[in-house]
PDB file of N, CA and C in Angstrom:
ATOM      1  N   MET A   1      15.458 -73.847   6.865  1.00  0.00           N
ATOM      2  CA  MET A   1      15.479 -75.342   6.767  1.00  0.00           C
ATOM      3  C   MET A   1      14.320 -76.196   6.999  1.00  0.00           C
ATOM      4  N   SER A   2      13.921 -77.146   6.248  1.00  0.00           N
ATOM      5  CA  SER A   2      12.715 -77.891   6.742  1.00  0.00           C
ATOM      6  C   SER A   2      12.964 -79.358   6.486  1.00  0.00           C
ATOM      7  N   ILE A   3      12.181 -80.196   7.136  1.00  0.00           N
ATOM      8  CA  ILE A   3      12.346 -81.526   6.964  1.00  0.00           C
ATOM      9  C   ILE A   3      10.931 -81.740   6.391  1.00  0.00           C
ATOM     10  N   ALA A   4      10.735 -82.798   5.463  1.00  0.00           N
ATOM     11  CA  ALA A   4       9.450 -83.472   5.053  1.00  0.00           C
ATOM     12  C   ALA A   4       9.608 -84.848   4.616  1.00  0.00           C
ATOM     13  N   ILE A   5       8.838 -85.655   4.947  1.00  0.00           N
ATOM     14  CA  ILE A   5       8.796 -87.299   4.712  1.00  0.00           C
ATOM     15  C   ILE A   5       7.861 -87.351   3.653  1.00  0.00           C
ATOM     16  N   LEU A   6       8.070 -87.952   2.611  1.00  0.00           N
ATOM     17  CA  LEU A   6       6.878 -88.336   1.745  1.00  0.00           C
ATOM     18  C   LEU A   6       5.760 -89.277   2.382  1.00  0.00           C
ATOM     19  N   PRO A   7       4.526 -88.977   1.918  1.00  0.00           N
ATOM     20  CA  PRO A   7       3.232 -89.397   2.616  1.00  0.00           C
ATOM     21  C   PRO A   7       3.505 -91.024   2.600  1.00  0.00           C
ATOM     22  N   GLU A   8       4.137 -91.611   1.823  1.00  0.00           N
ATOM     23  CA  GLU A   8       4.036 -93.102   1.781  1.00  0.00           C
ATOM     24  C   GLU A   8       5.125 -93.699   2.989  1.00  0.00           C
ATOM     25  N   TYR A   9       5.973 -92.751   3.233  1.00  0.00           N
ATOM     26  CA  TYR A   9       6.899 -93.107   4.084  1.00  0.00           C
ATOM     27  C   TYR A   9       6.629 -92.713   5.741  1.00  0.00           C
ATOM     28  N   GLN A  10       5.590 -91.952   5.821  1.00  0.00           N
ATOM     29  CA  GLN A  10       5.266 -91.395   7.055  1.00  0.00           C
ATOM     30  C   GLN A  10       4.888 -92.453   8.309  1.00  0.00           C
ATOM     31  N   ASN A  11       4.834 -92.042   9.364  1.00  0.00           N
ATOM     32  CA  ASN A  11       4.275 -93.093  10.309  1.00  0.00           C
ATOM     33  C   ASN A  11       5.398 -94.163  10.453  1.00  0.00           C
ATOM     34  N   LYS A  12       6.634 -94.219  10.262  1.00  0.00           N
ATOM     35  CA  LYS A  12       7.689 -95.182  10.025  1.00  0.00           C
ATOM     36  C   LYS A  12       8.897 -94.803  10.974  1.00  0.00           C
ATOM     37  N   GLY A  13       8.647 -93.961  11.616  1.00  0.00           N
ATOM     38  CA  GLY A  13       9.961 -93.394  12.199  1.00  0.00           C
ATOM     39  C   GLY A  13      10.836 -92.616  11.824  1.00  0.00           C
ATOM     40  N   ILE A  14      10.794 -92.368  10.472  1.00  0.00           N
ATOM     41  CA  ILE A  14      11.861 -91.778   9.776  1.00  0.00           C
ATOM     42  C   ILE A  14      11.998 -90.228  10.330  1.00  0.00           C
ATOM     43  N   GLY A  15      10.896 -89.586  10.283  1.00  0.00           N
ATOM     44  CA  GLY A  15      11.120 -88.323  10.705  1.00  0.00           C
ATOM     45  C   GLY A  15      11.702 -88.215  12.044  1.00  0.00           C
ATOM     46  N   LYS A  16      11.398 -88.876  12.844  1.00  0.00           N
ATOM     47  CA  LYS A  16      11.638 -88.869  14.494  1.00  0.00           C
ATOM     48  C   LYS A  16      13.200 -89.135  14.415  1.00  0.00           C
ATOM     49  N   ALA A  17      13.872 -90.290  13.624  1.00  0.00           N
ATOM     50  CA  ALA A  17      15.096 -90.466  13.462  1.00  0.00           C
ATOM     51  C   ALA A  17      15.610 -89.475  13.032  1.00  0.00           C
ATOM     52  N   LEU A  18      15.291 -88.668  12.123  1.00  0.00           N
ATOM     53  CA  LEU A  18      16.158 -87.421  11.268  1.00  0.00           C
ATOM     54  C   LEU A  18      16.309 -86.280  12.485  1.00  0.00           C
ATOM     55  N   VAL A  19      15.197 -86.080  13.050  1.00  0.00           N
ATOM     56  CA  VAL A  19      15.158 -85.055  14.241  1.00  0.00           C
ATOM     57  C   VAL A  19      16.114 -85.436  15.253  1.00  0.00           C
ATOM     58  N   GLN A  20      16.186 -86.909  15.857  1.00  0.00           N
ATOM     59  CA  GLN A  20      16.868 -87.186  16.766  1.00  0.00           C
ATOM     60  C   GLN A  20      18.357 -87.104  16.687  1.00  0.00           C
ATOM     61  N   GLU A  21      18.665 -87.395  15.316  1.00  0.00           N
ATOM     62  CA  GLU A  21      20.284 -87.237  14.723  1.00  0.00           C
ATOM     63  C   GLU A  21      20.498 -85.909  14.716  1.00  0.00           C
ATOM     64  N   PHE A  22      19.875 -85.029  14.122  1.00  0.00           N
ATOM     65  CA  PHE A  22      20.018 -83.546  14.343  1.00  0.00           C
ATOM     66  C   PHE A  22      20.198 -83.171  15.681  1.00  0.00           C
ATOM     67  N   LEU A  23      19.258 -83.322  16.440  1.00  0.00           N
ATOM     68  CA  LEU A  23      19.692 -83.038  18.065  1.00  0.00           C
ATOM     69  C   LEU A  23      20.860 -83.655  18.439  1.00  0.00           C
ATOM     70  N   ASN A  24      21.218 -84.939  18.219  1.00  0.00           N
ATOM     71  CA  ASN A  24      22.585 -85.606  18.910  1.00  0.00           C
ATOM     72  C   ASN A  24      23.767 -84.509  18.297  1.00  0.00           C
ATOM     73  N   GLU A  25      23.817 -84.354  16.966  1.00  0.00           N
ATOM     74  CA  GLU A  25      24.806 -83.464  16.379  1.00  0.00           C
ATOM     75  C   GLU A  25      24.918 -82.282  16.736  1.00  0.00           C
ATOM     76  N   MET A  26      23.888 -81.787  17.139  1.00  0.00           N
ATOM     77  CA  MET A  26      23.889 -80.195  17.942  1.00  0.00           C
ATOM     78  C   MET A  26      24.501 -80.464  19.117  1.00  0.00           C
ATOM     79  N   GLN A  27      24.062 -81.331  20.073  1.00  0.00           N
ATOM     80  CA  GLN A  27      24.704 -81.585  21.212  1.00  0.00           C
ATOM     81  C   GLN A  27      26.184 -81.883  21.050  1.00  0.00           C
ATOM     82  N   GLN A  28      26.606 -82.702  20.334  1.00  0.00           N
ATOM     83  CA  GLN A  28      28.009 -83.016  20.130  1.00  0.00           C
ATOM     84  C   GLN A  28      28.866 -81.602  19.715  1.00  0.00           C
ATOM     85  N   CYS A  29      28.071 -80.772  19.201  1.00  0.00           N
ATOM     86  CA  CYS A  29      28.905 -79.445  18.558  1.00  0.00           C
ATOM     87  C   CYS A  29      28.883 -78.522  19.802  1.00  0.00           C
ATOM     88  N   GLY A  30      28.128 -78.791  20.917  1.00  0.00           N
ATOM     89  CA  GLY A  30      28.214 -77.949  21.954  1.00  0.00           C
ATOM     90  C   GLY A  30      26.815 -76.969  22.046  1.00  0.00           C
ATOM     91  N   MET A  31      25.942 -77.290  21.396  1.00  0.00           N
ATOM     92  CA  MET A  31      24.699 -76.564  21.557  1.00  0.00           C
ATOM     93  C   MET A  31      23.968 -77.016  22.773  1.00  0.00           C
ATOM     94  N   ARG A  32      23.209 -75.810  23.408  1.00  0.00           N
ATOM     95  CA  ARG A  32      22.715 -76.195  24.705  1.00  0.00           C
ATOM     96  C   ARG A  32      21.199 -76.438  24.405  1.00  0.00           C
ATOM     97  N   GLN A  33      20.660 -75.694  23.371  1.00  0.00           N
ATOM     98  CA  GLN A  33      19.472 -75.776  22.933  1.00  0.00           C
ATOM     99  C   GLN A  33      19.081 -75.566  21.378  1.00  0.00           C
ATOM    100  N   VAL A  34      17.800 -76.089  21.150  1.00  0.00           N
ATOM    101  CA  VAL A  34      17.356 -75.927  19.537  1.00  0.00           C
ATOM    102  C   VAL A  34      16.091 -75.155  19.612  1.00  0.00           C
ATOM    103  N   ASN A  35      15.745 -74.256  18.924  1.00  0.00           N
ATOM    104  CA  ASN A  35      14.408 -73.661  18.726  1.00  0.00           C
ATOM    105  C   ASN A  35      14.163 -74.067  17.231  1.00  0.00           C
ATOM    106  N   LEU A  36      12.785 -74.084  17.070  1.00  0.00           N
ATOM    107  CA  LEU A  36      12.077 -74.472  15.777  1.00  0.00           C
ATOM    108  C   LEU A  36      11.063 -73.561  15.751  1.00  0.00           C
ATOM    109  N   THR A  37      10.534 -73.015  14.296  1.00  0.00           N
ATOM    110  CA  THR A  37       9.257 -72.656  14.286  1.00  0.00           C
ATOM    111  C   THR A  37       8.436 -73.506  13.082  1.00  0.00           C
ATOM    112  N   THR A  38       7.324 -73.428  13.489  1.00  0.00           N
ATOM    113  CA  THR A  38       6.266 -74.392  12.428  1.00  0.00           C
ATOM    114  C   THR A  38       4.900 -73.625  12.393  1.00  0.00           C
ATOM    115  N   ASP A  39       4.113 -73.845  11.245  1.00  0.00           N
ATOM    116  CA  ASP A  39       2.784 -73.236  11.113  1.00  0.00           C
ATOM    117  C   ASP A  39       2.025 -73.740  12.511  1.00  0.00           C
ATOM    118  N   LYS A  40       1.178 -72.766  12.852  1.00  0.00           N
ATOM    119  CA  LYS A  40       0.218 -73.059  13.957  1.00  0.00           C
ATOM    120  C   LYS A  40      -1.000 -73.740  13.372  1.00  0.00           C
ATOM    121  N   ASP A  41      -1.734 -73.001  12.556  1.00  0.00           N
ATOM    122  CA  ASP A  41      -2.958 -73.228  11.912  1.00  0.00           C
ATOM    123  C   ASP A  41      -2.693 -74.458  10.944  1.00  0.00           C
ATOM    124  N   GLY A  42      -3.644 -75.258  10.989  1.00  0.00           N
ATOM    125  CA  GLY A  42      -3.828 -76.412  10.098  1.00  0.00           C
ATOM    126  C   GLY A  42      -2.745 -77.607  10.014  1.00  0.00           C
ATOM    127  N   ASN A  43      -1.893 -77.309  11.088  1.00  0.00           N
ATOM    128  CA  ASN A  43      -0.703 -78.259  11.366  1.00  0.00           C
ATOM    129  C   ASN A  43      -0.732 -79.112  12.486  1.00  0.00           C
ATOM    130  N   ASP A  44      -1.677 -79.395  13.068  1.00  0.00           N
ATOM    131  CA  ASP A  44      -1.988 -80.175  14.099  1.00  0.00           C
ATOM    132  C   ASP A  44      -0.769 -81.343  14.117  1.00  0.00           C
ATOM    133  N   ALA A  45      -0.906 -82.239  12.914  1.00  0.00           N
ATOM    134  CA  ALA A  45       0.153 -83.373  13.148  1.00  0.00           C
ATOM    135  C   ALA A  45       1.467 -83.058  13.542  1.00  0.00           C
ATOM    136  N   VAL A  46       1.973 -82.148  12.727  1.00  0.00           N
ATOM    137  CA  VAL A  46       3.393 -81.517  12.824  1.00  0.00           C
ATOM    138  C   VAL A  46       3.586 -80.898  14.387  1.00  0.00           C
ATOM    139  N   ASN A  47       2.720 -80.136  14.876  1.00  0.00           N
ATOM    140  CA  ASN A  47       2.868 -79.463  16.269  1.00  0.00           C
ATOM    141  C   ASN A  47       2.827 -80.786  17.206  1.00  0.00           C
ATOM    142  N   ALA A  48       1.783 -81.654  17.103  1.00  0.00           N
ATOM    143  CA  ALA A  48       1.763 -82.973  17.710  1.00  0.00           C
ATOM    144  C   ALA A  48       3.476 -83.617  17.786  1.00  0.00           C
ATOM    145  N   PHE A  49       3.804 -84.013  16.864  1.00  0.00           N
ATOM    146  CA  PHE A  49       4.991 -84.465  16.539  1.00  0.00           C
ATOM    147  C   PHE A  49       6.090 -83.923  17.337  1.00  0.00           C
ATOM    148  N   TYR A  50       6.154 -82.619  17.040  1.00  0.00           N
ATOM    149  CA  TYR A  50       7.332 -81.998  17.949  1.00  0.00           C
ATOM    150  C   TYR A  50       7.060 -82.128  19.452  1.00  0.00           C
ATOM    151  N   ALA A  51       5.719 -82.007  19.764  1.00  0.00           N
ATOM    152  CA  ALA A  51       5.397 -82.121  21.238  1.00  0.00           C
ATOM    153  C   ALA A  51       5.952 -83.646  21.710  1.00  0.00           C
ATOM    154  N   ARG A  52       5.847 -84.554  20.981  1.00  0.00           N
ATOM    155  CA  ARG A  52       5.965 -85.800  21.320  1.00  0.00           C
ATOM    156  C   ARG A  52       7.426 -86.200  21.388  1.00  0.00           C
ATOM    157  N   LEU A  53       8.219 -85.464  20.583  1.00  0.00           N
ATOM    158  CA  LEU A  53       9.719 -85.336  20.711  1.00  0.00           C
ATOM    159  C   LEU A  53      10.376 -84.800  21.930  1.00  0.00           C
ATOM    160  N   GLY A  54       9.382 -83.888  22.537  1.00  0.00           N
ATOM    161  CA  GLY A  54       9.947 -83.157  23.801  1.00  0.00           C
ATOM    162  C   GLY A  54      10.411 -81.864  23.642  1.00  0.00           C
ATOM    163  N   PHE A  55       9.725 -81.222  22.562  1.00  0.00           N
ATOM    164  CA  PHE A  55       9.854 -79.882  22.334  1.00  0.00           C
ATOM    165  C   PHE A  55       8.616 -79.002  23.088  1.00  0.00           C
ATOM    166  N   GLN A  56       9.304 -78.016  23.591  1.00  0.00           N
ATOM    167  CA  GLN A  56       7.878 -77.069  24.491  1.00  0.00           C
ATOM    168  C   GLN A  56       7.643 -75.882  23.566  1.00  0.00           C
ATOM    169  N   LEU A  57       6.431 -75.728  23.616  1.00  0.00           N
ATOM    170  CA  LEU A  57       6.042 -74.614  22.987  1.00  0.00           C
ATOM    171  C   LEU A  57       6.504 -73.310  23.777  1.00  0.00           C
ATOM    172  N   VAL A  58       7.138 -72.510  23.299  1.00  0.00           N
ATOM    173  CA  VAL A  58       7.515 -71.103  23.655  1.00  0.00           C
ATOM    174  C   VAL A  58       6.446 -70.273  23.501  1.00  0.00           C
ATOM    175  N   ARG A  59       6.217 -69.916  22.314  1.00  0.00           N
ATOM    176  CA  ARG A  59       5.265 -68.687  21.913  1.00  0.00           C
ATOM    177  C   ARG A  59       4.461 -69.062  20.727  1.00  0.00           C
ATOM    178  N   SER A  60       3.264 -68.450  20.417  1.00  0.00           N
ATOM    179  CA  SER A  60       2.728 -68.340  19.108  1.00  0.00           C
ATOM    180  C   SER A  60       2.831 -66.985  18.749  1.00  0.00           C
ATOM    181  N   PHE A  61       3.223 -66.522  17.472  1.00  0.00           N
ATOM    182  CA  PHE A  61       3.018 -65.302  16.649  1.00  0.00           C
ATOM    183  C   PHE A  61       2.890 -65.274  15.641  1.00  0.00           C
ATOM    184  N   VAL A  62       2.388 -63.939  15.045  1.00  0.00           N
ATOM    185  CA  VAL A  62       2.166 -63.732  13.384  1.00  0.00           C
ATOM    186  C   VAL A  62       3.175 -63.003  12.914  1.00  0.00           C
ATOM    187  N   THR A  63       3.578 -63.552  11.734  1.00  0.00           N
ATOM    188  CA  THR A  63       4.665 -62.935  10.848  1.00  0.00           C
ATOM    189  C   THR A  63       4.114 -61.837  10.286  1.00  0.00           C
ATOM    190  N   PRO A  64       4.832 -60.726   9.856  1.00  0.00           N
ATOM    191  CA  PRO A  64       4.438 -59.544   9.017  1.00  0.00           C
ATOM    192  C   PRO A  64       3.203 -59.987   7.827  1.00  0.00           C
ATOM    193  N   GLU A  65       3.609 -61.046   7.454  1.00  0.00           N
ATOM    194  CA  GLU A  65       2.418 -61.502   6.076  1.00  0.00           C
ATOM    195  C   GLU A  65       0.997 -62.004   6.698  1.00  0.00           C
ATOM    196  N   GLY A  66       1.370 -62.176   8.149  1.00  0.00           N
ATOM    197  CA  GLY A  66      -0.350 -62.700   8.652  1.00  0.00           C
ATOM    198  C   GLY A  66      -0.441 -64.036   8.934  1.00  0.00           C
ATOM    199  N   ARG A  67       0.907 -64.716   8.826  1.00  0.00           N
ATOM    200  CA  ARG A  67       0.872 -66.325   9.075  1.00  0.00           C
ATOM    201  C   ARG A  67       1.304 -66.479  10.417  1.00  0.00           C
ATOM    202  N   TRP A  68       0.384 -67.449  11.253  1.00  0.00           N
ATOM    203  CA  TRP A  68       0.689 -67.839  12.535  1.00  0.00           C
ATOM    204  C   TRP A  68       1.677 -68.858  12.672  1.00  0.00           C
ATOM    205  N   MET A  69       2.466 -68.638  13.636  1.00  0.00           N
ATOM    206  CA  MET A  69       3.521 -69.734  13.631  1.00  0.00           C
ATOM    207  C   MET A  69       3.704 -70.175  15.266  1.00  0.00           C
ATOM    208  N   ASN A  70       3.980 -71.197  15.275  1.00  0.00           N
ATOM    209  CA  ASN A  70       4.657 -71.812  16.847  1.00  0.00           C
ATOM    210  C   ASN A  70       5.783 -71.847  17.013  1.00  0.00           C
ATOM    211  N   GLU A  71       6.484 -71.371  17.954  1.00  0.00           N
ATOM    212  CA  GLU A  71       7.889 -71.418  18.307  1.00  0.00           C
ATOM    213  C   GLU A  71       8.093 -72.702  19.197  1.00  0.00           C
ATOM    214  N   TYR A  72       9.301 -73.554  19.026  1.00  0.00           N
ATOM    215  CA  TYR A  72       9.137 -74.492  19.950  1.00  0.00           C
ATOM    216  C   TYR A  72      10.815 -74.373  20.318  1.00  0.00           C
ATOM    217  N   THR A  73      11.207 -75.063  21.701  1.00  0.00           N
ATOM    218  CA  THR A  73      12.293 -75.294  21.938  1.00  0.00           C
ATOM    219  C   THR A  73      12.642 -76.708  22.827  1.00  0.00           C
ATOM    220  N   ILE A  74      13.810 -77.084  22.513  1.00  0.00           N
ATOM    221  CA  ILE A  74      14.378 -78.377  23.437  1.00  0.00           C
ATOM    222  C   ILE A  74      15.390 -78.078  23.951  1.00  0.00           C
ATOM    223  N   SER A  75      15.955 -78.537  25.237  1.00  0.00           N
ATOM    224  CA  SER A  75      17.134 -78.192  25.948  1.00  0.00           C
ATOM    225  C   SER A  75      17.710 -79.701  25.635  1.00  0.00           C
ATOM    226  N   LEU A  76      19.301 -79.482  25.070  1.00  0.00           N
ATOM    227  CA  LEU A  76      20.203 -80.495  24.983  1.00  0.00           C
ATOM    228  C   LEU A  76      20.999 -80.938  26.038  1.00  0.00           C
ATOM    229  N   ASN A  77      20.724 -79.881  27.148  1.00  0.00           N
ATOM    230  CA  ASN A  77      21.566 -79.967  28.211  1.00  0.00           C
ATOM    231  C   ASN A  77      21.008 -81.119  29.111  1.00  0.00           C
ATOM    232  N   SER A  78      21.547 -82.288  29.538  1.00  0.00           N
ATOM    233  CA  SER A  78      20.885 -83.220  30.431  1.00  0.00           C
ATOM    234  C   SER A  78      20.599 -82.769  31.671  1.00  0.00           C
ATOM    235  N   GLU A  79      21.035 -81.931  32.294  1.00  0.00           N
ATOM    236  CA  GLU A  79      20.786 -81.595  33.646  1.00  0.00           C
ATOM    237  C   GLU A  79      19.294 -80.622  33.543  1.00  0.00           C
ATOM    238  N   ASP A  80      19.428 -79.578  32.330  1.00  0.00           N
ATOM    239  CA  ASP A  80      18.083 -78.976  31.956  1.00  0.00           C
ATOM    240  C   ASP A  80      16.955 -79.870  31.913  1.00  0.00           C
ATOM    241  N   ALA A  81      17.192 -81.144  31.117  1.00  0.00           N
ATOM    242  CA  ALA A  81      16.155 -81.916  30.645  1.00  0.00           C
ATOM    243  C   ALA A  81      15.420 -82.522  32.193  1.00  0.00           C
ATOM    244  N   ASP A  82      16.493 -83.012  32.976  1.00  0.00           N
ATOM    245  CA  ASP A  82      16.111 -83.490  34.201  1.00  0.00           C
ATOM    246  C   ASP A  82      15.063 -82.723  35.128  1.00  0.00           C
ATOM    247  N   ALA A  83      15.217 -81.254  34.701  1.00  0.00           N
ATOM    248  CA  ALA A  83      14.716 -80.249  35.737  1.00  0.00           C
ATOM    249  C   ALA A  83      13.275 -80.147  35.762  1.00  0.00           C
TER     250      ALA A  83
END
């Protein structure tokens, strides 16, 4: 699954709202954590976006096809987030 915002609508808070709503839904479903992966190279804006939302970089890895990826996680458990 991917999310994308058309360039003319970027930097208006739409992506942030989409991710926050998804995280809220996952928390309501009882999920305690969300992980995601995104490209590492040539993707600085997206990596910074997830960091600003509170995602923590867990690791970087190379796919079998040679594509560098970053894996992020965020806790949905309020006790974990406060720790």
